[in-house]
């Protein structure tokens, strides 16, 4: 992020566990979401009525929101995949 001179507006410490309700809120404000799990990258639509599949993709095995999670404009990015971040950031 520093290399692209991106300012982080909010950081949530790992000790604050974000769960399904938090995931729903984030996704409802987004128009699109990219979820990376290892090399697998999946794209979902955001909006007021997100699919269960999309919300479940955001959560780890403990039921907490997976890290890292970033809101970039109207796009939500969950997990890390360098190529996805490069595509979204331009």
Protein backbone atom coordinates (compact mmCIF):
# COMPACT_ATOMS: atom_id res chain seq x y z
CA UNK A 1 0.00 0.00 0.00
CA UNK A 2 2.84 2.37 0.79
CA UNK A 3 4.38 1.87 -2.65
CA UNK A 4 1.14 3.12 -4.22
CA UNK A 5 0.80 5.93 -1.66
CA UNK A 6 -2.53 4.59 -0.40
CA UNK A 7 -3.75 5.90 2.93
CA UNK A 8 -5.43 3.40 5.23
CA UNK A 9 -8.51 5.07 6.71
CA UNK A 10 -9.29 2.50 9.40
CA UNK A 11 -7.48 -0.47 10.86
CA UNK A 12 -9.33 -2.99 13.01
CA UNK A 13 -7.15 -4.97 15.44
CA UNK A 14 -7.27 -8.75 15.22
CA UNK A 15 -8.53 -8.88 18.80
CA UNK A 16 -11.83 -7.37 17.60
CA UNK A 17 -13.59 -10.31 15.98
CA UNK A 18 -15.84 -9.32 13.10
CA UNK A 19 -18.57 -11.87 12.43
CA UNK A 20 -21.41 -12.63 10.00
CA UNK A 21 -23.38 -9.47 10.81
CA UNK A 22 -20.29 -7.33 10.16
CA UNK A 23 -19.65 -9.18 6.89
CA UNK A 24 -23.25 -8.57 5.79
CA UNK A 25 -22.93 -4.86 6.55
CA UNK A 26 -19.68 -4.51 4.58
CA UNK A 27 -21.01 -6.43 1.59
CA UNK A 28 -24.30 -4.52 1.53
CA UNK A 29 -22.34 -1.26 1.02
CA UNK A 30 -20.20 -2.71 -1.80
CA UNK A 31 -21.08 -3.14 -5.46
CA UNK A 32 -18.59 -5.98 -5.96
CA UNK A 33 -16.44 -8.31 -3.89
CA UNK A 34 -13.34 -10.35 -4.62
CA UNK A 35 -12.48 -13.23 -2.29
CA UNK A 36 -9.05 -14.88 -2.42
CA UNK A 37 -8.41 -18.23 -0.74
CA UNK A 38 -4.92 -19.31 -1.68
CA UNK A 39 -4.67 -19.18 -5.46
CA UNK A 40 -8.46 -19.41 -5.91
CA UNK A 41 -10.13 -16.04 -6.56
CA UNK A 42 -13.92 -15.71 -6.65
CA UNK A 43 -15.97 -12.64 -7.58
CA UNK A 44 -19.39 -11.78 -6.15
CA UNK A 45 -21.92 -8.98 -6.51
CA UNK A 46 -22.53 -6.76 -3.52
CA UNK A 47 -25.68 -4.89 -2.64
CA UNK A 48 -28.56 -4.96 -0.22
CA UNK A 49 -29.33 -8.69 -0.57
CA UNK A 50 -26.00 -10.54 -0.74
CA UNK A 51 -26.09 -14.27 -1.35
CA UNK A 52 -25.32 -16.72 1.44
CA UNK A 53 -22.49 -18.05 -0.73
CA UNK A 54 -20.88 -14.60 -0.83
CA UNK A 55 -21.18 -14.05 2.93
CA UNK A 56 -19.90 -17.56 3.70
CA UNK A 57 -16.88 -16.92 1.44
CA UNK A 58 -15.98 -13.93 3.63
CA UNK A 59 -15.86 -16.01 6.82
CA UNK A 60 -13.16 -18.30 8.08
CA UNK A 61 -13.68 -21.65 9.79
CA UNK A 62 -14.22 -19.90 13.13
CA UNK A 63 -17.07 -17.80 11.72
CA UNK A 64 -15.02 -14.59 11.84
CA UNK A 65 -14.31 -12.28 8.93
CA UNK A 66 -11.18 -13.39 7.10
CA UNK A 67 -8.13 -11.15 6.98
CA UNK A 68 -7.06 -9.06 5.32
CA UNK A 69 -10.29 -7.35 4.34
CA UNK A 70 -10.12 -4.07 2.47
CA UNK A 71 -12.72 -1.66 1.15
CA UNK A 72 -11.38 -0.02 -1.99
CA UNK A 73 -13.93 2.43 -3.32
CA UNK A 74 -17.11 0.34 -3.75
CA UNK A 75 -15.16 -2.93 -4.00
CA UNK A 76 -14.63 -5.26 -1.07
CA UNK A 77 -11.52 -7.45 -1.11
CA UNK A 78 -11.28 -10.40 1.30
CA UNK A 79 -8.10 -12.47 1.62
CA UNK A 80 -4.89 -11.73 -0.20
CA UNK A 81 -4.00 -12.30 -3.82
CA UNK A 82 -1.37 -9.95 -5.21
CA UNK A 83 -2.79 -10.03 -8.74
CA UNK A 84 -6.29 -9.15 -7.50
CA UNK A 85 -5.01 -6.18 -5.54
CA UNK A 86 -3.01 -4.99 -8.56
CA UNK A 87 -6.08 -5.28 -10.82
CA UNK A 88 -8.32 -3.38 -8.40
CA UNK A 89 -5.80 -0.68 -7.58
CA UNK A 90 -4.92 -0.19 -11.23
